[in-house]
Each structure stands twice: as C-alpha cells, then as structure tokens.
Amino acid sequence: DCDWSSDVCSSDLSLEPPRLEGTWYQLAALPSRADAHCDSDTQWQLQADADGLAWNTRCLDRDGQVHQRSAHLRPDPVGQGARWQARGPRTWSVATWVLAMGPGDRWALVGDPGRREAWLVARRTWLPPTDWDAAWQAAEQQGFTRQDFRVSAQFGRTEGPPPAPRPR
C-alpha cells in the first residue's frame, strides 16, 4: 500500500535481483518524459550484478527508429525489497517501486508512489485475459485507472495470445 501524500510505499514483496532478472515486455504505461518517444516494442532487460540490476531499455519510435537507454537499479532498504533506486549514466536518479507482481511473476506493476509514471510489464508479449484483469485490478488498488495507461504494442500486438497459424 502507498501513502500518496508522502510518496512512501510499504510492501511485503521479497524482490531479490535474481527474481527480476530477464526480459520484460511493456504492455501498458503511464510513461515518463524519457519514454515519451517510445511507440512500440518496449523491452526491459534486467541482469543481476554485485549490487543490484543492470537495466537496459529498448523501444521503437513512431518512425521505427530504435531507442536505447541504460540505468542501474539498486535495492533501497527503505522500500523493504520493493523500492529500487534507478541511476542513469549522467546524474539522474529516481525511486521506482514494484507495486504488484502477478502469480508466477508473469507480470509486474512498476511505478512511483506519486503516480507520475507507471509501467505494466510482463514476461511475454501478451497476457491472458485473467492476468490482464488482475493487473488492472492491482493498478486500480494503487490509485490508477485504466484510462491513465497507454496500451503498448508489442510486435504489432496489443492484447491476447498470438493467433493460431492458418491452415494452408
């Protein structure tokens, strides 16, 4: 739960770096200014290292140009495992929270307690309807509405599993 007036969240999520490692696909976002140019195919690659996670983001803009950005995520002890401090290559730094995780870590809601930015990311480029519903419910419990988010296209898809191949 978050106290939005003080930008503080508490969470019982145990999020050691190996649990978050791997590729995450952005399915919906209330994007930050840094992500505003991302139009589709946004991916996060998280790799555990000695003191946190290397965070590499890749996306395509409206013209199909690739944009990449790197940062380092370090666990913040104030957040009891769910708060991460992101530091970029220059001097920027921002607190980022894992606000909710889906069953089996299939999806995560990541954002800041001030509701200025948030991302719904998943281990696959789509979620089954029951996971979408659970993710939206988690976002609403944190004070977001579905209308706050922009659904992100992943490889030309915005929802549901890939269609079955057509018979020849």
N, C-alpha and C. Protein backbone atom coordinates (compact mmCIF):
# COMPACT_ATOMS: atom_id res chain seq x y z
N ASP A 1 0.84 -1.19 0.00
CA ASP A 1 0.00 0.00 0.00
C ASP A 1 0.88 1.24 0.00
N CYS A 2 0.40 2.28 -0.64
CA CYS A 2 1.16 3.51 -0.75
C CYS A 2 0.44 4.65 -0.04
N ASP A 3 1.21 5.49 0.61
CA ASP A 3 0.73 6.76 1.14
C ASP A 3 1.10 7.80 0.12
N TRP A 4 0.13 8.18 -0.73
CA TRP A 4 0.42 9.04 -1.87
C TRP A 4 0.82 10.44 -1.45
N SER A 5 0.42 10.86 -0.26
CA SER A 5 0.76 12.21 0.17
C SER A 5 2.23 12.33 0.55
N SER A 6 2.84 11.21 0.95
CA SER A 6 4.25 11.28 1.37
C SER A 6 5.19 10.51 0.45
N ASP A 7 4.67 9.98 -0.66
CA ASP A 7 5.48 9.21 -1.60
C ASP A 7 6.17 8.02 -0.93
N VAL A 8 5.47 7.35 -0.03
CA VAL A 8 6.02 6.19 0.67
C VAL A 8 5.12 4.99 0.42
N CYS A 9 5.73 3.87 0.09
CA CYS A 9 5.00 2.62 -0.06
C CYS A 9 5.56 1.60 0.91
N SER A 10 4.72 0.70 1.34
CA SER A 10 5.21 -0.45 2.09
C SER A 10 4.78 -1.68 1.31
N SER A 11 5.59 -2.69 1.37
CA SER A 11 5.30 -3.88 0.59
C SER A 11 5.92 -5.09 1.26
N ASP A 12 5.23 -6.21 1.15
CA ASP A 12 5.81 -7.44 1.66
C ASP A 12 6.46 -8.25 0.54
N LEU A 13 6.60 -7.63 -0.64
CA LEU A 13 7.25 -8.31 -1.75
C LEU A 13 8.73 -8.51 -1.45
N SER A 14 9.19 -9.72 -1.64
CA SER A 14 10.61 -10.02 -1.50
C SER A 14 11.18 -10.07 -2.91
N LEU A 15 11.92 -9.05 -3.27
CA LEU A 15 12.37 -8.93 -4.65
C LEU A 15 13.88 -8.90 -4.73
N GLU A 16 14.47 -10.03 -4.57
CA GLU A 16 15.91 -10.14 -4.76
C GLU A 16 16.18 -10.03 -6.26
N PRO A 17 17.34 -9.46 -6.63
CA PRO A 17 17.63 -9.27 -8.06
C PRO A 17 17.39 -10.49 -8.95
N PRO A 18 17.76 -11.71 -8.55
CA PRO A 18 17.51 -12.84 -9.46
C PRO A 18 16.03 -13.04 -9.82
N ARG A 19 15.14 -12.66 -8.93
CA ARG A 19 13.70 -12.81 -9.21
C ARG A 19 13.26 -11.89 -10.35
N LEU A 20 13.91 -10.77 -10.50
CA LEU A 20 13.53 -9.79 -11.51
C LEU A 20 14.33 -9.92 -12.81
N GLU A 21 15.36 -10.73 -12.79
CA GLU A 21 16.23 -10.87 -13.96
C GLU A 21 15.48 -11.35 -15.19
N GLY A 22 15.99 -10.95 -16.35
CA GLY A 22 15.45 -11.45 -17.60
C GLY A 22 14.81 -10.35 -18.42
N THR A 23 14.05 -10.76 -19.42
CA THR A 23 13.39 -9.83 -20.32
C THR A 23 11.96 -9.59 -19.87
N TRP A 24 11.58 -8.32 -19.84
CA TRP A 24 10.21 -7.89 -19.54
C TRP A 24 9.73 -7.04 -20.71
N TYR A 25 8.47 -7.24 -21.10
CA TYR A 25 7.87 -6.50 -22.20
C TYR A 25 6.85 -5.52 -21.65
N GLN A 26 6.95 -4.29 -22.07
CA GLN A 26 5.99 -3.28 -21.61
C GLN A 26 4.67 -3.47 -22.35
N LEU A 27 3.60 -3.70 -21.59
CA LEU A 27 2.29 -3.89 -22.18
C LEU A 27 1.42 -2.64 -22.07
N ALA A 28 1.68 -1.82 -21.06
CA ALA A 28 0.94 -0.57 -20.88
C ALA A 28 1.81 0.36 -20.04
N ALA A 29 1.60 1.67 -20.21
CA ALA A 29 2.44 2.61 -19.48
C ALA A 29 1.75 3.94 -19.28
N LEU A 30 2.08 4.55 -18.17
CA LEU A 30 1.88 5.97 -17.93
C LEU A 30 3.31 6.48 -18.00
N PRO A 31 3.80 6.76 -19.22
CA PRO A 31 5.24 6.89 -19.43
C PRO A 31 5.84 8.16 -18.84
N SER A 32 7.11 8.04 -18.53
CA SER A 32 7.89 9.19 -18.10
C SER A 32 8.28 10.01 -19.33
N ARG A 33 8.81 11.20 -19.11
CA ARG A 33 9.26 12.01 -20.25
C ARG A 33 10.33 11.28 -21.04
N ALA A 34 11.16 10.51 -20.36
CA ALA A 34 12.23 9.79 -21.04
C ALA A 34 11.69 8.72 -21.97
N ASP A 35 10.47 8.23 -21.71
CA ASP A 35 9.88 7.17 -22.53
C ASP A 35 8.86 7.70 -23.52
N ALA A 36 8.61 8.99 -23.54
CA ALA A 36 7.53 9.55 -24.36
C ALA A 36 7.70 9.24 -25.84
N HIS A 37 8.94 9.10 -26.32
CA HIS A 37 9.18 8.82 -27.74
C HIS A 37 8.93 7.35 -28.08
N CYS A 38 8.81 6.48 -27.08
CA CYS A 38 8.60 5.05 -27.34
C CYS A 38 7.18 4.80 -27.82
N ASP A 39 7.07 4.24 -29.00
CA ASP A 39 5.76 3.98 -29.58
C ASP A 39 5.39 2.50 -29.53
N SER A 40 6.38 1.61 -29.61
CA SER A 40 6.07 0.17 -29.60
C SER A 40 7.31 -0.64 -29.23
N ASP A 41 7.07 -1.92 -29.00
CA ASP A 41 8.12 -2.92 -28.78
C ASP A 41 9.10 -2.55 -27.68
N THR A 42 8.58 -1.99 -26.59
CA THR A 42 9.45 -1.63 -25.47
C THR A 42 9.79 -2.86 -24.67
N GLN A 43 11.07 -3.08 -24.47
CA GLN A 43 11.58 -4.22 -23.71
C GLN A 43 12.53 -3.73 -22.64
N TRP A 44 12.47 -4.39 -21.49
CA TRP A 44 13.45 -4.16 -20.43
C TRP A 44 14.27 -5.42 -20.30
N GLN A 45 15.55 -5.27 -20.25
CA GLN A 45 16.45 -6.40 -19.99
C GLN A 45 17.12 -6.12 -18.66
N LEU A 46 16.87 -6.99 -17.67
CA LEU A 46 17.44 -6.84 -16.34
C LEU A 46 18.44 -7.95 -16.09
N GLN A 47 19.64 -7.56 -15.68
CA GLN A 47 20.71 -8.52 -15.41
C GLN A 47 21.28 -8.25 -14.03
N ALA A 48 21.21 -9.25 -13.15
CA ALA A 48 21.75 -9.10 -11.79
C ALA A 48 23.26 -8.91 -11.83
N ASP A 49 23.74 -8.05 -10.94
CA ASP A 49 25.17 -7.87 -10.76
C ASP A 49 25.45 -7.79 -9.26
N ALA A 50 26.63 -7.38 -8.88
CA ALA A 50 27.06 -7.42 -7.48
C ALA A 50 26.18 -6.58 -6.55
N ASP A 51 25.64 -5.48 -7.03
CA ASP A 51 24.88 -4.62 -6.11
C ASP A 51 23.51 -4.21 -6.63
N GLY A 52 22.92 -5.01 -7.50
CA GLY A 52 21.58 -4.71 -7.99
C GLY A 52 21.32 -5.30 -9.36
N LEU A 53 20.81 -4.46 -10.25
CA LEU A 53 20.44 -4.91 -11.59
C LEU A 53 20.88 -3.90 -12.64
N ALA A 54 21.49 -4.38 -13.70
CA ALA A 54 21.72 -3.55 -14.88
C ALA A 54 20.39 -3.53 -15.63
N TRP A 55 19.92 -2.35 -16.02
CA TRP A 55 18.61 -2.17 -16.63
C TRP A 55 18.81 -1.53 -18.00
N ASN A 56 18.53 -2.28 -19.05
CA ASN A 56 18.65 -1.80 -20.42
C ASN A 56 17.25 -1.79 -21.04
N THR A 57 16.87 -0.65 -21.58
CA THR A 57 15.56 -0.49 -22.20
C THR A 57 15.75 -0.25 -23.69
N ARG A 58 14.89 -0.87 -24.48
CA ARG A 58 14.92 -0.71 -25.93
C ARG A 58 13.50 -0.53 -26.41
N CYS A 59 13.27 0.41 -27.35
CA CYS A 59 11.94 0.60 -27.90
C CYS A 59 12.05 1.15 -29.32
N LEU A 60 10.92 1.20 -29.99
CA LEU A 60 10.83 1.79 -31.33
C LEU A 60 9.97 3.04 -31.25
N ASP A 61 10.38 4.09 -31.96
CA ASP A 61 9.54 5.28 -32.04
C ASP A 61 8.56 5.12 -33.20
N ARG A 62 7.75 6.12 -33.41
CA ARG A 62 6.70 6.08 -34.43
C ARG A 62 7.26 5.80 -35.83
N ASP A 63 8.51 6.22 -36.08
CA ASP A 63 9.14 6.03 -37.39
C ASP A 63 9.93 4.73 -37.49
N GLY A 64 9.88 3.91 -36.44
CA GLY A 64 10.60 2.65 -36.46
C GLY A 64 12.06 2.75 -36.03
N GLN A 65 12.48 3.92 -35.56
CA GLN A 65 13.86 4.09 -35.09
C GLN A 65 14.00 3.46 -33.70
N VAL A 66 15.12 2.79 -33.48
CA VAL A 66 15.41 2.16 -32.20
C VAL A 66 15.97 3.18 -31.21
N HIS A 67 15.45 3.16 -30.00
CA HIS A 67 15.98 3.99 -28.91
C HIS A 67 16.38 3.06 -27.78
N GLN A 68 17.54 3.33 -27.19
CA GLN A 68 18.04 2.51 -26.09
C GLN A 68 18.46 3.41 -24.95
N ARG A 69 18.31 2.88 -23.75
CA ARG A 69 18.68 3.63 -22.55
C ARG A 69 19.13 2.61 -21.51
N SER A 70 20.12 2.99 -20.72
CA SER A 70 20.63 2.11 -19.67
C SER A 70 20.61 2.82 -18.33
N ALA A 71 20.44 2.05 -17.29
CA ALA A 71 20.49 2.56 -15.93
C ALA A 71 20.91 1.42 -15.03
N HIS A 72 21.11 1.74 -13.78
CA HIS A 72 21.41 0.72 -12.79
C HIS A 72 20.39 0.81 -11.68
N LEU A 73 19.81 -0.32 -11.32
CA LEU A 73 18.84 -0.39 -10.23
C LEU A 73 19.53 -0.97 -9.00
N ARG A 74 19.38 -0.27 -7.90
CA ARG A 74 19.96 -0.73 -6.65
C ARG A 74 18.83 -0.84 -5.62
N PRO A 75 18.75 -1.95 -4.89
CA PRO A 75 17.69 -2.05 -3.87
C PRO A 75 17.84 -0.93 -2.85
N ASP A 76 16.71 -0.36 -2.46
CA ASP A 76 16.69 0.70 -1.46
C ASP A 76 16.12 0.12 -0.18
N PRO A 77 16.89 0.06 0.90
CA PRO A 77 16.42 -0.59 2.13
C PRO A 77 15.17 0.04 2.71
N VAL A 78 14.89 1.29 2.41
CA VAL A 78 13.68 1.94 2.90
C VAL A 78 12.44 1.25 2.35
N GLY A 79 12.55 0.70 1.15
CA GLY A 79 11.41 0.11 0.49
C GLY A 79 11.13 -1.32 0.86
N GLN A 80 11.86 -1.90 1.79
CA GLN A 80 11.63 -3.27 2.24
C GLN A 80 11.62 -4.26 1.08
N GLY A 81 12.46 -4.06 0.10
CA GLY A 81 12.58 -5.01 -1.00
C GLY A 81 11.83 -4.64 -2.25
N ALA A 82 10.86 -3.74 -2.17
CA ALA A 82 10.07 -3.38 -3.35
C ALA A 82 10.50 -2.05 -3.95
N ARG A 83 11.33 -1.30 -3.25
CA ARG A 83 11.77 0.01 -3.75
C ARG A 83 13.18 -0.12 -4.31
N TRP A 84 13.36 0.47 -5.49
CA TRP A 84 14.65 0.44 -6.17
C TRP A 84 15.03 1.85 -6.52
N GLN A 85 16.31 2.13 -6.43
CA GLN A 85 16.84 3.43 -6.82
C GLN A 85 17.47 3.25 -8.20
N ALA A 86 16.94 3.97 -9.19
CA ALA A 86 17.47 3.89 -10.56
C ALA A 86 18.43 5.05 -10.78
N ARG A 87 19.62 4.74 -11.27
CA ARG A 87 20.61 5.77 -11.57
C ARG A 87 21.03 5.61 -13.03
N GLY A 88 20.96 6.73 -13.74
CA GLY A 88 21.31 6.73 -15.15
C GLY A 88 22.77 7.06 -15.38
N PRO A 89 23.18 7.10 -16.64
CA PRO A 89 24.59 7.34 -16.97
C PRO A 89 25.04 8.75 -16.60
N ARG A 90 24.13 9.67 -16.50
CA ARG A 90 24.52 11.02 -16.09
C ARG A 90 24.28 11.16 -14.60
N THR A 91 23.51 12.14 -14.20
CA THR A 91 23.32 12.37 -12.77
C THR A 91 21.90 12.11 -12.30
N TRP A 92 21.00 11.66 -13.19
CA TRP A 92 19.63 11.47 -12.75
C TRP A 92 19.50 10.25 -11.85
N SER A 93 18.53 10.34 -10.96
CA SER A 93 18.25 9.27 -10.02
C SER A 93 16.78 9.35 -9.66
N VAL A 94 16.12 8.22 -9.58
CA VAL A 94 14.69 8.21 -9.27
C VAL A 94 14.35 6.96 -8.48
N ALA A 95 13.42 7.09 -7.54
CA ALA A 95 12.92 5.93 -6.80
C ALA A 95 11.84 5.25 -7.63
N THR A 96 11.95 3.96 -7.79
CA THR A 96 11.00 3.17 -8.54
C THR A 96 10.53 2.02 -7.66
N TRP A 97 9.23 1.79 -7.63
CA TRP A 97 8.66 0.74 -6.80
C TRP A 97 8.08 -0.37 -7.66
N VAL A 98 8.25 -1.60 -7.22
CA VAL A 98 7.48 -2.70 -7.77
C VAL A 98 6.22 -2.72 -6.92
N LEU A 99 5.11 -2.26 -7.49
CA LEU A 99 3.88 -2.06 -6.75
C LEU A 99 3.07 -3.35 -6.62
N ALA A 100 3.21 -4.25 -7.59
CA ALA A 100 2.49 -5.53 -7.56
C ALA A 100 3.18 -6.51 -8.49
N MET A 101 3.07 -7.79 -8.16
CA MET A 101 3.58 -8.86 -9.02
C MET A 101 2.47 -9.88 -9.22
N GLY A 102 2.35 -10.36 -10.44
CA GLY A 102 1.34 -11.37 -10.75
C GLY A 102 1.80 -12.75 -10.34
N PRO A 103 0.88 -13.71 -10.34
CA PRO A 103 1.23 -15.09 -9.99
C PRO A 103 2.34 -15.61 -10.89
N GLY A 104 3.28 -16.29 -10.30
CA GLY A 104 4.39 -16.84 -11.07
C GLY A 104 5.28 -15.77 -11.67
N ASP A 105 5.16 -14.54 -11.18
CA ASP A 105 5.94 -13.41 -11.69
C ASP A 105 5.73 -13.20 -13.18
N ARG A 106 4.51 -13.51 -13.67
CA ARG A 106 4.21 -13.35 -15.10
C ARG A 106 4.10 -11.88 -15.49
N TRP A 107 3.71 -11.02 -14.54
CA TRP A 107 3.59 -9.60 -14.82
C TRP A 107 3.97 -8.82 -13.58
N ALA A 108 4.27 -7.54 -13.78
CA ALA A 108 4.59 -6.65 -12.65
C ALA A 108 4.05 -5.25 -12.96
N LEU A 109 3.62 -4.58 -11.91
CA LEU A 109 3.24 -3.18 -11.98
C LEU A 109 4.34 -2.41 -11.30
N VAL A 110 4.99 -1.52 -12.05
CA VAL A 110 6.14 -0.76 -11.56
C VAL A 110 5.79 0.72 -11.68
N GLY A 111 6.17 1.50 -10.69
CA GLY A 111 5.87 2.93 -10.78
C GLY A 111 6.42 3.70 -9.60
N ASP A 112 5.91 4.91 -9.46
CA ASP A 112 6.32 5.72 -8.32
C ASP A 112 5.08 6.05 -7.49
N PRO A 113 5.25 6.26 -6.19
CA PRO A 113 4.11 6.50 -5.33
C PRO A 113 3.33 7.76 -5.67
N GLY A 114 3.94 8.69 -6.36
CA GLY A 114 3.23 9.90 -6.75
C GLY A 114 2.35 9.73 -7.98
N ARG A 115 2.33 8.53 -8.54
CA ARG A 115 1.55 8.20 -9.73
C ARG A 115 1.89 9.08 -10.93
N ARG A 116 3.15 9.50 -11.00
CA ARG A 116 3.60 10.30 -12.14
C ARG A 116 3.99 9.40 -13.32
N GLU A 117 4.39 8.18 -13.02
CA GLU A 117 4.76 7.23 -14.07
C GLU A 117 4.51 5.82 -13.55
N ALA A 118 4.17 4.94 -14.48
CA ALA A 118 3.93 3.54 -14.13
C ALA A 118 4.03 2.71 -15.39
N TRP A 119 4.37 1.46 -15.19
CA TRP A 119 4.50 0.53 -16.30
C TRP A 119 3.91 -0.81 -15.90
N LEU A 120 3.17 -1.41 -16.81
CA LEU A 120 2.74 -2.79 -16.66
C LEU A 120 3.62 -3.59 -17.60
N VAL A 121 4.45 -4.45 -17.03
CA VAL A 121 5.38 -5.25 -17.83
C VAL A 121 5.10 -6.73 -17.60
N ALA A 122 5.46 -7.54 -18.56
CA ALA A 122 5.20 -8.98 -18.47
C ALA A 122 6.37 -9.76 -19.06
N ARG A 123 6.42 -11.02 -18.71
CA ARG A 123 7.48 -11.90 -19.21
C ARG A 123 7.27 -12.30 -20.67
N ARG A 124 6.04 -12.11 -21.15
CA ARG A 124 5.71 -12.41 -22.55
C ARG A 124 5.15 -11.16 -23.19
N THR A 125 4.96 -11.19 -24.48
CA THR A 125 4.46 -10.02 -25.20
C THR A 125 2.94 -9.88 -25.09
N TRP A 126 2.30 -10.76 -24.35
CA TRP A 126 0.85 -10.70 -24.16
C TRP A 126 0.51 -11.32 -22.82
N LEU A 127 -0.71 -11.05 -22.37
CA LEU A 127 -1.23 -11.68 -21.15
C LEU A 127 -2.59 -12.28 -21.45
N PRO A 128 -2.90 -13.42 -20.84
CA PRO A 128 -4.26 -13.94 -20.97
C PRO A 128 -5.24 -12.99 -20.26
N PRO A 129 -6.50 -12.99 -20.64
CA PRO A 129 -7.47 -12.06 -20.06
C PRO A 129 -7.52 -12.07 -18.53
N THR A 130 -7.37 -13.22 -17.91
CA THR A 130 -7.42 -13.25 -16.44
C THR A 130 -6.24 -12.49 -15.82
N ASP A 131 -5.07 -12.56 -16.45
CA ASP A 131 -3.92 -11.80 -15.96
C ASP A 131 -4.09 -10.30 -16.21
N TRP A 132 -4.64 -9.94 -17.39
CA TRP A 132 -4.93 -8.52 -17.65
C TRP A 132 -5.85 -7.97 -16.56
N ASP A 133 -6.92 -8.73 -16.26
CA ASP A 133 -7.87 -8.28 -15.25
C ASP A 133 -7.19 -8.11 -13.89
N ALA A 134 -6.36 -9.06 -13.51
CA ALA A 134 -5.65 -8.97 -12.22
C ALA A 134 -4.69 -7.78 -12.20
N ALA A 135 -4.00 -7.55 -13.31
CA ALA A 135 -3.07 -6.42 -13.37
C ALA A 135 -3.81 -5.09 -13.27
N TRP A 136 -4.94 -4.96 -14.00
CA TRP A 136 -5.72 -3.72 -13.92
C TRP A 136 -6.27 -3.53 -12.51
N GLN A 137 -6.69 -4.61 -11.88
CA GLN A 137 -7.19 -4.51 -10.51
C GLN A 137 -6.08 -4.03 -9.56
N ALA A 138 -4.88 -4.56 -9.74
CA ALA A 138 -3.74 -4.13 -8.92
C ALA A 138 -3.46 -2.65 -9.15
N ALA A 139 -3.52 -2.20 -10.40
CA ALA A 139 -3.28 -0.78 -10.70
C ALA A 139 -4.36 0.09 -10.04
N GLU A 140 -5.60 -0.36 -10.12
CA GLU A 140 -6.69 0.41 -9.50
C GLU A 140 -6.54 0.46 -7.99
N GLN A 141 -6.05 -0.62 -7.38
CA GLN A 141 -5.81 -0.62 -5.93
C GLN A 141 -4.73 0.39 -5.54
N GLN A 142 -3.85 0.71 -6.49
CA GLN A 142 -2.79 1.70 -6.23
C GLN A 142 -3.22 3.11 -6.62
N GLY A 143 -4.48 3.26 -7.03
CA GLY A 143 -4.99 4.59 -7.33
C GLY A 143 -4.95 4.98 -8.80
N PHE A 144 -4.55 4.08 -9.68
CA PHE A 144 -4.56 4.34 -11.11
C PHE A 144 -5.90 3.92 -11.70
N THR A 145 -6.20 4.42 -12.88
CA THR A 145 -7.34 3.92 -13.65
C THR A 145 -6.81 3.40 -14.98
N ARG A 146 -7.57 2.58 -15.63
CA ARG A 146 -7.15 2.06 -16.93
C ARG A 146 -6.91 3.19 -17.92
N GLN A 147 -7.71 4.25 -17.80
CA GLN A 147 -7.58 5.37 -18.72
C GLN A 147 -6.25 6.11 -18.53
N ASP A 148 -5.61 5.93 -17.37
CA ASP A 148 -4.31 6.56 -17.13
C ASP A 148 -3.23 5.98 -18.05
N PHE A 149 -3.42 4.73 -18.45
CA PHE A 149 -2.39 4.00 -19.17
C PHE A 149 -2.59 4.04 -20.67
N ARG A 150 -1.46 4.02 -21.38
CA ARG A 150 -1.45 3.85 -22.83
C ARG A 150 -1.01 2.41 -23.08
N VAL A 151 -1.87 1.63 -23.76
CA VAL A 151 -1.51 0.25 -24.07
C VAL A 151 -0.39 0.28 -25.10
N SER A 152 0.62 -0.55 -24.89
CA SER A 152 1.80 -0.58 -25.74
C SER A 152 1.72 -1.73 -26.73
N ALA A 153 2.05 -1.45 -27.95
CA ALA A 153 2.09 -2.50 -28.97
C ALA A 153 3.39 -3.29 -28.82
N GLN A 154 3.28 -4.58 -28.87
CA GLN A 154 4.44 -5.46 -28.85
C GLN A 154 4.40 -6.29 -30.12
N PHE A 155 5.36 -6.07 -30.99
CA PHE A 155 5.44 -6.81 -32.26
C PHE A 155 4.12 -6.76 -33.01
N GLY A 156 3.50 -5.59 -32.96
CA GLY A 156 2.25 -5.42 -33.69
C GLY A 156 1.02 -5.92 -32.96
N ARG A 157 1.17 -6.46 -31.75
CA ARG A 157 0.03 -6.97 -31.00
C ARG A 157 -0.19 -6.09 -29.77
N THR A 158 -1.44 -5.88 -29.42
CA THR A 158 -1.72 -5.10 -28.23
C THR A 158 -2.43 -5.92 -27.16
N GLU A 159 -2.95 -7.08 -27.48
CA GLU A 159 -3.57 -7.91 -26.46
C GLU A 159 -3.73 -9.33 -26.96
N GLY A 160 -3.89 -10.25 -26.02
CA GLY A 160 -4.21 -11.62 -26.35
C GLY A 160 -3.04 -12.41 -26.90
N PRO A 161 -3.22 -13.73 -26.94
CA PRO A 161 -2.15 -14.58 -27.47
C PRO A 161 -2.02 -14.42 -28.97
N PRO A 162 -0.89 -14.80 -29.52
CA PRO A 162 -0.75 -14.73 -30.98
C PRO A 162 -1.81 -15.61 -31.64
N PRO A 163 -2.31 -15.19 -32.79
CA PRO A 163 -3.32 -16.00 -33.46
C PRO A 163 -2.73 -17.34 -33.90
N ALA A 164 -3.59 -18.34 -33.96
CA ALA A 164 -3.14 -19.66 -34.42
C ALA A 164 -2.81 -19.57 -35.90
N PRO A 165 -1.79 -20.33 -36.33
CA PRO A 165 -1.46 -20.31 -37.78
C PRO A 165 -2.65 -20.76 -38.61
N ARG A 166 -2.81 -20.16 -39.77
CA ARG A 166 -3.89 -20.55 -40.67
C ARG A 166 -3.49 -21.81 -41.44
N PRO A 167 -4.42 -22.73 -41.62
CA PRO A 167 -4.09 -23.92 -42.43
C PRO A 167 -3.82 -23.52 -43.88
N ARG A 168 -2.95 -24.25 -44.52
CA ARG A 168 -2.60 -23.96 -45.93
C ARG A 168 -3.51 -24.68 -46.86
